[in-house]
Amino acid sequence: ICHKQGLEMTVYSGYECEDTHMLYGVDWHKLGPQVDKGYCGYGLNPALIAETKVCLGQAPLIGGLLTKGERLQGHTPAQILQQLLACGGGVLVWYQAGWDAGLLQSVAKVTKMVAGCEDILTAGQRCDTLVTIGGGLKAGNLAAFRLDNRLLVLLWNNSGNPCEARLKFPEKAVGLTEFATGRQLPVPPTETVVTVPAGEFVVITAKL
């Protein structure tokens, strides 16, 4: 009906799993081919997200960050970025209670970064293993994308304290630059060391 009227068909529910079938009566295997965008929660279970993406085919998956309760609510830039990278199509934020300008600042930080790197985030290939990470941040807090000879590395810190990341880039990597500040970073074989503030992210660009 939506498509006949020239409208997009969008649906929000849980990720594809038996719980979603029982609780919401939604089976993404049947619904996925009909929708233009799928909005889903909850959490970051990689297997459920992957299965939902299969069901949606070419339609984007927008991940939900939802919070219940009576206190002031929000998410950090690191949390929003992590959800975006997990689902790939965007982020939906919803709060039962109020939120303040801190949330808008978090959204703005992620949006500004994505606007400057959107081509490689959408058309590039994930290549996390190209960069080795050590220090306080672990491999699960790193995502890397490659498009032609361009490399984009994203680091995020969900902890309450600053974390140091010690990075080893491919030997042929040149022009390492911190995206937000334009600061030039050491090139291989020198180890690249950056500090990711609590709740924040750092993005590094390079050429291969």
N, C-alpha and C. Protein backbone atom coordinates (compact mmCIF):
# COMPACT_ATOMS: atom_id res chain seq x y z
N ILE A 1 0.84 -1.20 0.00
CA ILE A 1 0.00 0.00 0.00
C ILE A 1 0.87 1.25 0.00
N CYS A 2 1.92 1.28 0.86
CA CYS A 2 2.81 2.45 0.92
C CYS A 2 3.44 2.74 -0.44
N HIS A 3 3.99 1.71 -1.05
CA HIS A 3 4.68 1.90 -2.32
C HIS A 3 3.73 2.34 -3.43
N LYS A 4 2.50 1.87 -3.39
CA LYS A 4 1.52 2.29 -4.40
C LYS A 4 1.21 3.78 -4.28
N GLN A 5 1.35 4.31 -3.07
CA GLN A 5 1.10 5.74 -2.83
C GLN A 5 2.38 6.57 -2.93
N GLY A 6 3.47 5.95 -3.36
CA GLY A 6 4.74 6.66 -3.48
C GLY A 6 5.40 6.96 -2.15
N LEU A 7 5.08 6.17 -1.13
CA LEU A 7 5.62 6.39 0.21
C LEU A 7 6.60 5.29 0.59
N GLU A 8 7.53 5.63 1.49
CA GLU A 8 8.45 4.63 2.01
C GLU A 8 7.76 3.74 3.03
N MET A 9 8.16 2.50 3.06
CA MET A 9 7.69 1.56 4.07
C MET A 9 8.80 1.36 5.09
N THR A 10 8.56 1.79 6.34
CA THR A 10 9.53 1.62 7.41
C THR A 10 8.88 0.90 8.58
N VAL A 11 9.65 0.07 9.27
CA VAL A 11 9.13 -0.72 10.39
C VAL A 11 10.16 -0.69 11.51
N TYR A 12 9.66 -0.56 12.77
CA TYR A 12 10.53 -0.67 13.93
C TYR A 12 10.14 -1.91 14.73
N SER A 13 11.14 -2.69 15.13
CA SER A 13 10.89 -3.85 15.98
C SER A 13 12.22 -4.31 16.57
N GLY A 14 12.22 -5.50 17.16
CA GLY A 14 13.46 -6.09 17.65
C GLY A 14 14.24 -6.70 16.50
N TYR A 15 15.48 -7.10 16.78
CA TYR A 15 16.28 -7.79 15.78
C TYR A 15 15.62 -9.14 15.44
N GLU A 16 15.98 -9.69 14.31
CA GLU A 16 15.44 -10.97 13.88
C GLU A 16 15.85 -12.08 14.85
N CYS A 17 14.86 -12.63 15.57
CA CYS A 17 15.08 -13.74 16.49
C CYS A 17 13.72 -14.24 16.97
N GLU A 18 13.72 -15.35 17.68
CA GLU A 18 12.48 -15.93 18.17
C GLU A 18 11.74 -15.00 19.13
N ASP A 19 12.49 -14.27 19.96
CA ASP A 19 11.85 -13.34 20.89
C ASP A 19 11.05 -12.28 20.14
N THR A 20 11.60 -11.78 19.03
CA THR A 20 10.89 -10.78 18.24
C THR A 20 9.64 -11.37 17.61
N HIS A 21 9.73 -12.63 17.19
CA HIS A 21 8.54 -13.30 16.64
C HIS A 21 7.43 -13.36 17.69
N MET A 22 7.81 -13.74 18.92
CA MET A 22 6.81 -13.97 19.95
C MET A 22 6.28 -12.66 20.55
N LEU A 23 7.19 -11.71 20.82
CA LEU A 23 6.78 -10.48 21.51
C LEU A 23 6.08 -9.49 20.59
N TYR A 24 6.55 -9.39 19.33
CA TYR A 24 6.04 -8.36 18.44
C TYR A 24 5.32 -8.89 17.20
N GLY A 25 5.38 -10.20 17.00
CA GLY A 25 4.76 -10.76 15.82
C GLY A 25 5.44 -10.33 14.53
N VAL A 26 6.74 -10.04 14.61
CA VAL A 26 7.50 -9.57 13.44
C VAL A 26 8.52 -10.63 13.05
N ASP A 27 8.47 -11.05 11.79
CA ASP A 27 9.44 -11.96 11.21
C ASP A 27 10.12 -11.21 10.07
N TRP A 28 11.37 -10.80 10.30
CA TRP A 28 12.07 -10.00 9.29
C TRP A 28 12.34 -10.78 8.01
N HIS A 29 12.36 -12.09 8.07
CA HIS A 29 12.52 -12.88 6.84
C HIS A 29 11.36 -12.62 5.89
N LYS A 30 10.16 -12.44 6.43
CA LYS A 30 8.98 -12.18 5.61
C LYS A 30 8.79 -10.69 5.33
N LEU A 31 9.13 -9.87 6.33
CA LEU A 31 8.88 -8.43 6.21
C LEU A 31 10.00 -7.70 5.49
N GLY A 32 11.23 -8.17 5.66
CA GLY A 32 12.40 -7.47 5.14
C GLY A 32 12.33 -7.08 3.67
N PRO A 33 11.93 -7.99 2.78
CA PRO A 33 11.90 -7.64 1.35
C PRO A 33 10.90 -6.55 1.00
N GLN A 34 9.98 -6.22 1.93
CA GLN A 34 8.94 -5.24 1.64
C GLN A 34 9.28 -3.84 2.12
N VAL A 35 10.28 -3.70 3.00
CA VAL A 35 10.53 -2.41 3.63
C VAL A 35 11.67 -1.66 2.95
N ASP A 36 11.63 -0.34 3.09
CA ASP A 36 12.69 0.52 2.56
C ASP A 36 13.75 0.82 3.62
N LYS A 37 13.33 0.81 4.89
CA LYS A 37 14.26 0.99 6.01
C LYS A 37 13.78 0.14 7.18
N GLY A 38 14.73 -0.49 7.86
CA GLY A 38 14.39 -1.25 9.05
C GLY A 38 14.99 -0.60 10.28
N TYR A 39 14.16 -0.33 11.27
CA TYR A 39 14.61 0.24 12.54
C TYR A 39 14.55 -0.86 13.60
N CYS A 40 15.66 -1.06 14.30
CA CYS A 40 15.73 -2.21 15.21
C CYS A 40 16.44 -1.88 16.52
N GLY A 41 16.14 -2.61 17.54
CA GLY A 41 16.84 -2.69 18.79
C GLY A 41 16.71 -4.13 19.24
N TYR A 42 17.32 -4.52 20.26
CA TYR A 42 18.03 -3.67 21.23
C TYR A 42 19.40 -4.28 21.44
N GLY A 43 20.40 -3.47 21.80
CA GLY A 43 21.71 -4.00 22.09
C GLY A 43 22.60 -4.12 20.86
N LEU A 44 23.71 -4.87 21.04
CA LEU A 44 24.75 -4.95 20.01
C LEU A 44 25.12 -6.39 19.69
N ASN A 45 24.17 -7.31 19.82
CA ASN A 45 24.47 -8.71 19.52
C ASN A 45 24.82 -8.86 18.05
N PRO A 46 26.07 -9.19 17.72
CA PRO A 46 26.50 -9.22 16.32
C PRO A 46 25.78 -10.26 15.48
N ALA A 47 25.43 -11.41 16.08
CA ALA A 47 24.75 -12.45 15.32
C ALA A 47 23.33 -12.01 14.95
N LEU A 48 22.62 -11.39 15.88
CA LEU A 48 21.26 -10.93 15.60
C LEU A 48 21.26 -9.80 14.58
N ILE A 49 22.22 -8.89 14.70
CA ILE A 49 22.33 -7.79 13.75
C ILE A 49 22.62 -8.32 12.35
N ALA A 50 23.55 -9.27 12.26
CA ALA A 50 23.90 -9.84 10.96
C ALA A 50 22.70 -10.53 10.31
N GLU A 51 21.94 -11.29 11.09
CA GLU A 51 20.77 -11.98 10.55
C GLU A 51 19.71 -10.99 10.09
N THR A 52 19.53 -9.91 10.84
CA THR A 52 18.55 -8.89 10.46
C THR A 52 18.97 -8.21 9.15
N LYS A 53 20.26 -7.95 9.00
CA LYS A 53 20.76 -7.35 7.76
C LYS A 53 20.50 -8.26 6.56
N VAL A 54 20.69 -9.56 6.76
CA VAL A 54 20.41 -10.51 5.67
C VAL A 54 18.95 -10.42 5.26
N CYS A 55 18.07 -10.33 6.25
CA CYS A 55 16.63 -10.25 5.96
C CYS A 55 16.28 -8.97 5.21
N LEU A 56 16.96 -7.87 5.53
CA LEU A 56 16.64 -6.58 4.91
C LEU A 56 17.22 -6.44 3.51
N GLY A 57 18.20 -7.26 3.16
CA GLY A 57 18.79 -7.16 1.83
C GLY A 57 19.50 -5.82 1.65
N GLN A 58 19.07 -5.04 0.66
CA GLN A 58 19.70 -3.76 0.36
C GLN A 58 19.15 -2.62 1.21
N ALA A 59 18.10 -2.85 1.96
CA ALA A 59 17.52 -1.80 2.80
C ALA A 59 18.42 -1.54 4.01
N PRO A 60 18.61 -0.28 4.41
CA PRO A 60 19.48 0.02 5.54
C PRO A 60 18.87 -0.39 6.87
N LEU A 61 19.73 -0.74 7.82
CA LEU A 61 19.33 -1.07 9.18
C LEU A 61 19.73 0.07 10.10
N ILE A 62 18.75 0.67 10.75
CA ILE A 62 18.99 1.76 11.70
C ILE A 62 18.86 1.18 13.10
N GLY A 63 19.91 1.31 13.90
CA GLY A 63 19.93 0.72 15.24
C GLY A 63 19.36 1.64 16.29
N GLY A 64 18.64 1.09 17.24
CA GLY A 64 17.99 1.88 18.27
C GLY A 64 18.77 1.94 19.57
N LEU A 65 18.89 3.15 20.12
CA LEU A 65 19.40 3.36 21.47
C LEU A 65 18.22 3.87 22.29
N LEU A 66 17.68 3.01 23.13
CA LEU A 66 16.48 3.35 23.89
C LEU A 66 16.77 3.22 25.38
N THR A 67 16.23 4.17 26.15
CA THR A 67 16.47 4.17 27.58
C THR A 67 15.17 4.45 28.32
N LYS A 68 14.87 3.61 29.31
CA LYS A 68 13.70 3.82 30.15
C LYS A 68 14.12 4.32 31.53
N GLY A 69 13.19 4.96 32.23
CA GLY A 69 13.48 5.45 33.56
C GLY A 69 13.01 6.87 33.73
N GLU A 70 13.19 7.41 34.93
CA GLU A 70 12.68 8.73 35.25
C GLU A 70 13.78 9.78 35.34
N ARG A 71 15.04 9.37 35.29
CA ARG A 71 16.14 10.34 35.38
C ARG A 71 16.51 10.87 34.00
N LEU A 72 17.25 11.99 34.01
CA LEU A 72 17.75 12.57 32.77
C LEU A 72 18.57 11.54 32.01
N GLN A 73 18.36 11.43 30.72
CA GLN A 73 18.96 10.35 29.94
C GLN A 73 19.73 10.89 28.73
N GLY A 74 20.61 10.08 28.22
CA GLY A 74 21.39 10.46 27.05
C GLY A 74 22.41 9.40 26.72
N HIS A 75 23.16 9.60 25.65
CA HIS A 75 24.23 8.69 25.26
C HIS A 75 25.46 9.50 24.88
N THR A 76 26.61 8.90 25.05
CA THR A 76 27.87 9.56 24.72
C THR A 76 28.14 9.44 23.23
N PRO A 77 29.05 10.28 22.71
CA PRO A 77 29.44 10.12 21.30
C PRO A 77 29.95 8.71 21.00
N ALA A 78 30.68 8.11 21.95
CA ALA A 78 31.22 6.76 21.72
C ALA A 78 30.09 5.75 21.56
N GLN A 79 29.05 5.85 22.39
CA GLN A 79 27.94 4.90 22.31
C GLN A 79 27.17 5.06 20.99
N ILE A 80 26.96 6.29 20.57
CA ILE A 80 26.24 6.53 19.32
C ILE A 80 27.05 6.01 18.13
N LEU A 81 28.35 6.28 18.14
CA LEU A 81 29.20 5.79 17.06
C LEU A 81 29.22 4.27 17.01
N GLN A 82 29.33 3.64 18.16
CA GLN A 82 29.36 2.17 18.20
C GLN A 82 28.08 1.58 17.62
N GLN A 83 26.93 2.15 17.96
CA GLN A 83 25.66 1.65 17.42
C GLN A 83 25.59 1.87 15.92
N LEU A 84 26.07 3.01 15.46
CA LEU A 84 26.08 3.31 14.03
C LEU A 84 26.93 2.30 13.26
N LEU A 85 28.12 2.01 13.79
CA LEU A 85 29.01 1.08 13.11
C LEU A 85 28.46 -0.34 13.13
N ALA A 86 27.74 -0.69 14.19
CA ALA A 86 27.19 -2.05 14.29
C ALA A 86 26.09 -2.28 13.27
N CYS A 87 25.20 -1.29 13.09
CA CYS A 87 24.05 -1.48 12.20
C CYS A 87 24.26 -0.88 10.82
N GLY A 88 25.01 0.19 10.72
CA GLY A 88 25.41 0.72 9.43
C GLY A 88 24.50 1.73 8.78
N GLY A 89 23.21 1.73 9.12
CA GLY A 89 22.29 2.60 8.40
C GLY A 89 21.89 3.86 9.12
N GLY A 90 22.32 4.01 10.38
CA GLY A 90 21.94 5.17 11.16
C GLY A 90 21.63 4.77 12.58
N VAL A 91 21.22 5.76 13.40
CA VAL A 91 20.92 5.52 14.80
C VAL A 91 19.62 6.23 15.16
N LEU A 92 18.75 5.53 15.85
CA LEU A 92 17.53 6.10 16.42
C LEU A 92 17.71 6.21 17.93
N VAL A 93 17.53 7.41 18.49
CA VAL A 93 17.62 7.58 19.94
C VAL A 93 16.23 7.88 20.49
N TRP A 94 15.92 7.24 21.62
CA TRP A 94 14.61 7.43 22.26
C TRP A 94 14.80 7.34 23.76
N TYR A 95 14.16 8.28 24.48
CA TYR A 95 14.28 8.32 25.92
C TYR A 95 12.90 8.49 26.55
N GLN A 96 12.64 7.70 27.56
CA GLN A 96 11.36 7.81 28.26
C GLN A 96 11.29 9.10 29.07
N ALA A 97 12.40 9.48 29.68
CA ALA A 97 12.46 10.72 30.45
C ALA A 97 13.09 11.81 29.58
N GLY A 98 13.47 12.92 30.22
CA GLY A 98 14.01 14.04 29.46
C GLY A 98 15.47 13.87 29.09
N TRP A 99 15.92 14.71 28.19
CA TRP A 99 17.33 14.76 27.80
C TRP A 99 17.71 16.23 27.67
N ASP A 100 19.01 16.50 27.64
CA ASP A 100 19.46 17.89 27.62
C ASP A 100 20.39 18.15 26.44
N ALA A 101 21.03 19.32 26.48
CA ALA A 101 21.90 19.70 25.37
C ALA A 101 23.10 18.78 25.23
N GLY A 102 23.44 18.05 26.28
CA GLY A 102 24.56 17.11 26.18
C GLY A 102 24.32 16.07 25.11
N LEU A 103 23.07 15.61 25.00
CA LEU A 103 22.75 14.64 23.94
C LEU A 103 22.92 15.27 22.57
N LEU A 104 22.45 16.50 22.41
CA LEU A 104 22.59 17.17 21.12
C LEU A 104 24.05 17.33 20.74
N GLN A 105 24.90 17.60 21.73
CA GLN A 105 26.32 17.71 21.45
C GLN A 105 26.90 16.37 21.01
N SER A 106 26.45 15.29 21.66
CA SER A 106 26.93 13.96 21.27
C SER A 106 26.53 13.64 19.83
N VAL A 107 25.26 13.90 19.51
CA VAL A 107 24.77 13.65 18.14
C VAL A 107 25.54 14.50 17.14
N ALA A 108 25.78 15.77 17.50
CA ALA A 108 26.47 16.68 16.59
C ALA A 108 27.90 16.21 16.30
N LYS A 109 28.60 15.71 17.32
CA LYS A 109 29.97 15.24 17.13
C LYS A 109 30.02 14.08 16.14
N VAL A 110 29.10 13.13 16.32
CA VAL A 110 29.09 11.97 15.43
C VAL A 110 28.66 12.39 14.02
N THR A 111 27.64 13.21 13.94
CA THR A 111 27.13 13.64 12.64
C THR A 111 28.18 14.40 11.84
N LYS A 112 28.91 15.29 12.51
CA LYS A 112 29.96 16.06 11.83
C LYS A 112 31.04 15.14 11.28
N MET A 113 31.44 14.16 12.08
CA MET A 113 32.46 13.23 11.62
C MET A 113 31.97 12.41 10.43
N VAL A 114 30.75 11.88 10.53
CA VAL A 114 30.20 11.05 9.46
C VAL A 114 30.08 11.85 8.17
N ALA A 115 29.67 13.11 8.27
CA ALA A 115 29.52 13.95 7.07
C ALA A 115 30.85 14.10 6.33
N GLY A 116 31.95 14.13 7.09
CA GLY A 116 33.25 14.29 6.46
C GLY A 116 33.86 13.01 5.94
N CYS A 117 33.29 11.86 6.33
CA CYS A 117 33.85 10.56 5.94
C CYS A 117 32.80 9.64 5.32
N GLU A 118 31.67 10.19 4.93
CA GLU A 118 30.53 9.35 4.56
C GLU A 118 30.83 8.44 3.38
N ASP A 119 31.62 8.91 2.43
CA ASP A 119 31.88 8.08 1.24
C ASP A 119 32.62 6.81 1.60
N ILE A 120 33.63 6.91 2.46
CA ILE A 120 34.39 5.72 2.81
C ILE A 120 33.63 4.83 3.79
N LEU A 121 32.78 5.44 4.64
CA LEU A 121 31.97 4.64 5.56
C LEU A 121 30.92 3.83 4.83
N THR A 122 30.38 4.37 3.74
CA THR A 122 29.31 3.68 3.01
C THR A 122 29.84 2.79 1.90
N ALA A 123 30.88 3.24 1.20
CA ALA A 123 31.38 2.47 0.05
C ALA A 123 32.65 1.68 0.35
N GLY A 124 33.30 1.97 1.48
CA GLY A 124 34.54 1.27 1.81
C GLY A 124 34.30 -0.13 2.37
N GLN A 125 35.36 -0.89 2.44
CA GLN A 125 35.32 -2.25 2.99
C GLN A 125 35.91 -2.26 4.40
N ARG A 126 35.24 -3.00 5.32
CA ARG A 126 35.80 -3.13 6.66
C ARG A 126 37.11 -3.90 6.58
N CYS A 127 38.11 -3.40 7.29
CA CYS A 127 39.44 -4.03 7.25
C CYS A 127 40.12 -3.86 8.60
N ASP A 128 39.42 -4.21 9.67
CA ASP A 128 39.91 -3.97 11.02
C ASP A 128 41.28 -4.60 11.27
N THR A 129 41.56 -5.73 10.63
CA THR A 129 42.82 -6.43 10.91
C THR A 129 44.04 -5.74 10.31
N LEU A 130 43.83 -4.71 9.49
CA LEU A 130 44.97 -3.98 8.93
C LEU A 130 45.72 -3.20 10.01
N VAL A 131 45.03 -2.87 11.09
CA VAL A 131 45.62 -2.07 12.16
C VAL A 131 45.63 -2.89 13.45
N THR A 132 46.79 -2.98 14.08
CA THR A 132 46.92 -3.69 15.35
C THR A 132 46.81 -2.70 16.48
N ILE A 133 46.00 -3.04 17.49
CA ILE A 133 45.77 -2.12 18.61
C ILE A 133 46.24 -2.74 19.91
N GLY A 134 46.84 -1.90 20.75
CA GLY A 134 47.25 -2.31 22.08
C GLY A 134 46.98 -1.17 23.05
N GLY A 135 47.45 -1.31 24.27
CA GLY A 135 47.19 -0.29 25.27
C GLY A 135 45.87 -0.55 25.97
N GLY A 136 45.23 0.52 26.44
CA GLY A 136 43.99 0.39 27.19
C GLY A 136 42.79 0.03 26.36
N LEU A 137 42.80 0.36 25.08
CA LEU A 137 41.68 0.02 24.20
C LEU A 137 41.93 -1.33 23.55
N LYS A 138 40.85 -2.07 23.33
CA LYS A 138 40.95 -3.40 22.75
C LYS A 138 40.47 -3.39 21.30
N ALA A 139 40.64 -4.53 20.64
CA ALA A 139 40.26 -4.63 19.22
C ALA A 139 38.78 -4.35 19.01
N GLY A 140 37.94 -4.65 20.00
CA GLY A 140 36.52 -4.40 19.88
C GLY A 140 36.15 -2.93 19.88
N ASN A 141 37.12 -2.07 20.16
CA ASN A 141 36.89 -0.62 20.15
C ASN A 141 37.54 0.05 18.95
N LEU A 142 37.76 -0.74 17.90
CA LEU A 142 38.38 -0.22 16.67
C LEU A 142 37.60 -0.70 15.46
N ALA A 143 37.41 0.20 14.51
CA ALA A 143 36.86 -0.16 13.21
C ALA A 143 37.69 0.53 12.14
N ALA A 144 38.00 -0.19 11.07
CA ALA A 144 38.78 0.39 9.97
C ALA A 144 38.06 0.14 8.65
N PHE A 145 38.12 1.13 7.77
CA PHE A 145 37.50 1.05 6.45
C PHE A 145 38.54 1.45 5.40
N ARG A 146 38.50 0.74 4.28
CA ARG A 146 39.41 1.05 3.18
C ARG A 146 38.61 1.30 1.90
N LEU A 147 38.95 2.40 1.23
CA LEU A 147 38.36 2.71 -0.07
C LEU A 147 39.49 3.13 -0.99
N ASP A 148 39.79 2.30 -1.99
CA ASP A 148 40.95 2.51 -2.86
C ASP A 148 42.21 2.59 -1.99
N ASN A 149 42.93 3.71 -2.02
CA ASN A 149 44.15 3.81 -1.21
C ASN A 149 43.94 4.60 0.07
N ARG A 150 42.69 4.85 0.41
CA ARG A 150 42.37 5.62 1.62
C ARG A 150 42.00 4.69 2.77
N LEU A 151 42.49 5.02 3.95
CA LEU A 151 42.23 4.23 5.15
C LEU A 151 41.61 5.13 6.21
N LEU A 152 40.55 4.64 6.83
CA LEU A 152 39.87 5.37 7.90
C LEU A 152 39.82 4.46 9.13
N VAL A 153 40.32 4.95 10.25
CA VAL A 153 40.35 4.17 11.49
C VAL A 153 39.58 4.92 12.57
N LEU A 154 38.63 4.24 13.20
CA LEU A 154 37.80 4.84 14.24
C LEU A 154 38.03 4.11 15.56
N LEU A 155 38.25 4.87 16.61
CA LEU A 155 38.47 4.34 17.95
C LEU A 155 37.44 4.96 18.88
N TRP A 156 36.84 4.16 19.77
CA TRP A 156 35.89 4.74 20.71
C TRP A 156 36.11 4.16 22.09
N ASN A 157 35.76 4.95 23.09
CA ASN A 157 36.03 4.61 24.48
C ASN A 157 34.75 4.74 25.29
N ASN A 158 34.16 3.61 25.65
CA ASN A 158 32.92 3.61 26.43
C ASN A 158 33.16 3.63 27.93
N SER A 159 34.40 3.68 28.36
CA SER A 159 34.69 3.66 29.79
C SER A 159 34.56 5.07 30.37
N GLY A 160 34.69 5.14 31.69
CA GLY A 160 34.60 6.43 32.37
C GLY A 160 35.94 7.13 32.52
N ASN A 161 37.00 6.57 31.93
CA ASN A 161 38.33 7.16 32.04
C ASN A 161 38.99 7.23 30.67
N PRO A 162 39.91 8.19 30.47
CA PRO A 162 40.64 8.23 29.21
C PRO A 162 41.42 6.93 29.00
N CYS A 163 41.53 6.51 27.74
CA CYS A 163 42.26 5.28 27.41
C CYS A 163 43.27 5.55 26.32
N GLU A 164 44.44 4.99 26.50
CA GLU A 164 45.50 5.11 25.50
C GLU A 164 45.41 3.97 24.50
N ALA A 165 45.50 4.30 23.23
CA ALA A 165 45.53 3.29 22.18
C ALA A 165 46.90 3.34 21.50
N ARG A 166 47.54 2.19 21.41
CA ARG A 166 48.85 2.06 20.74
C ARG A 166 48.62 1.29 19.44
N LEU A 167 48.82 1.97 18.33
CA LEU A 167 48.43 1.44 17.02
C LEU A 167 49.63 1.16 16.14
N LYS A 168 49.54 0.03 15.42
CA LYS A 168 50.54 -0.30 14.41
C LYS A 168 49.83 -0.36 13.06
N PHE A 169 50.18 0.57 12.19
CA PHE A 169 49.59 0.66 10.86
C PHE A 169 50.42 -0.15 9.86
N PRO A 170 49.85 -0.49 8.71
CA PRO A 170 50.65 -1.16 7.66
C PRO A 170 51.88 -0.33 7.31
N GLU A 171 52.96 -0.99 6.95
CA GLU A 171 54.23 -0.30 6.69
C GLU A 171 54.12 0.76 5.61
N LYS A 172 53.23 0.56 4.63
CA LYS A 172 53.12 1.53 3.54
C LYS A 172 52.19 2.70 3.86
N ALA A 173 51.62 2.74 5.06
CA ALA A 173 50.71 3.83 5.42
C ALA A 173 51.46 5.15 5.53
N VAL A 174 50.91 6.20 4.95
CA VAL A 174 51.51 7.54 5.01
C VAL A 174 50.41 8.55 5.31
N GLY A 175 50.83 9.75 5.68
CA GLY A 175 49.87 10.83 5.88
C GLY A 175 48.88 10.60 7.01
N LEU A 176 49.32 9.95 8.08
CA LEU A 176 48.42 9.70 9.21
C LEU A 176 48.00 11.03 9.83
N THR A 177 46.69 11.24 9.93
CA THR A 177 46.16 12.52 10.40
C THR A 177 44.99 12.29 11.33
N GLU A 178 44.97 13.00 12.44
CA GLU A 178 43.82 12.96 13.33
C GLU A 178 42.72 13.82 12.72
N PHE A 179 41.59 13.20 12.44
CA PHE A 179 40.54 13.84 11.64
C PHE A 179 40.03 15.14 12.26
N ALA A 180 39.76 15.15 13.54
CA ALA A 180 39.11 16.31 14.17
C ALA A 180 40.04 17.51 14.28
N THR A 181 41.33 17.28 14.50
CA THR A 181 42.26 18.37 14.76
C THR A 181 43.20 18.67 13.60
N GLY A 182 43.35 17.73 12.67
CA GLY A 182 44.32 17.89 11.59
C GLY A 182 45.74 17.60 12.02
N ARG A 183 45.92 17.12 13.24
CA ARG A 183 47.26 16.84 13.76
C ARG A 183 47.90 15.68 13.03
N GLN A 184 49.13 15.88 12.58
CA GLN A 184 49.88 14.82 11.90
C GLN A 184 50.44 13.84 12.92
N LEU A 185 50.34 12.56 12.61
CA LEU A 185 50.78 11.51 13.53
C LEU A 185 51.97 10.76 12.93
N PRO A 186 52.77 10.10 13.77
CA PRO A 186 53.93 9.36 13.29
C PRO A 186 53.52 8.26 12.31
N VAL A 187 54.34 8.05 11.30
CA VAL A 187 54.07 7.01 10.31
C VAL A 187 54.91 5.78 10.64
N PRO A 188 54.50 4.61 10.13
CA PRO A 188 55.27 3.38 10.38
C PRO A 188 56.72 3.55 9.93
N PRO A 189 57.67 2.87 10.62
CA PRO A 189 57.43 1.83 11.64
C PRO A 189 57.18 2.36 13.04
N THR A 190 57.16 3.69 13.21
CA THR A 190 56.90 4.25 14.54
C THR A 190 55.49 3.90 14.99
N GLU A 191 55.33 3.51 16.24
CA GLU A 191 54.02 3.21 16.79
C GLU A 191 53.23 4.51 16.96
N THR A 192 51.95 4.47 16.61
CA THR A 192 51.08 5.63 16.76
C THR A 192 50.33 5.52 18.08
N VAL A 193 50.47 6.54 18.92
CA VAL A 193 49.84 6.53 20.25
C VAL A 193 48.86 7.70 20.33
N VAL A 194 47.60 7.39 20.64
CA VAL A 194 46.59 8.43 20.83
C VAL A 194 45.82 8.14 22.10
N THR A 195 45.33 9.18 22.73
CA THR A 195 44.49 9.04 23.92
C THR A 195 43.05 9.36 23.55
N VAL A 196 42.15 8.43 23.85
CA VAL A 196 40.73 8.61 23.56
C VAL A 196 40.03 9.00 24.86
N PRO A 197 39.47 10.20 24.94
CA PRO A 197 38.82 10.63 26.19
C PRO A 197 37.63 9.73 26.55
N ALA A 198 37.24 9.75 27.80
CA ALA A 198 36.10 8.97 28.27
C ALA A 198 34.84 9.34 27.50
N GLY A 199 34.16 8.32 26.98
CA GLY A 199 32.90 8.54 26.28
C GLY A 199 33.04 9.16 24.90
N GLU A 200 34.24 9.27 24.40
CA GLU A 200 34.48 9.96 23.13
C GLU A 200 35.05 9.00 22.09
N PHE A 201 35.36 9.55 20.92
CA PHE A 201 35.99 8.76 19.85
C PHE A 201 37.09 9.59 19.19
N VAL A 202 38.00 8.90 18.56
CA VAL A 202 39.07 9.52 17.76
C VAL A 202 39.09 8.85 16.40
N VAL A 203 39.23 9.66 15.35
CA VAL A 203 39.26 9.15 13.98
C VAL A 203 40.59 9.53 13.33
N ILE A 204 41.21 8.56 12.68
CA ILE A 204 42.49 8.76 12.00
C ILE A 204 42.34 8.40 10.54
N THR A 205 42.86 9.26 9.67
CA THR A 205 42.87 8.98 8.23
C THR A 205 44.31 8.75 7.78
N ALA A 206 44.46 7.97 6.70
CA ALA A 206 45.78 7.67 6.16
C ALA A 206 45.64 7.28 4.70
N LYS A 207 46.76 7.24 4.01
CA LYS A 207 46.84 6.74 2.63
C LYS A 207 47.71 5.49 2.62
N LEU A 208 47.34 4.54 1.77
CA LEU A 208 48.09 3.29 1.65
C LEU A 208 48.75 3.21 0.29
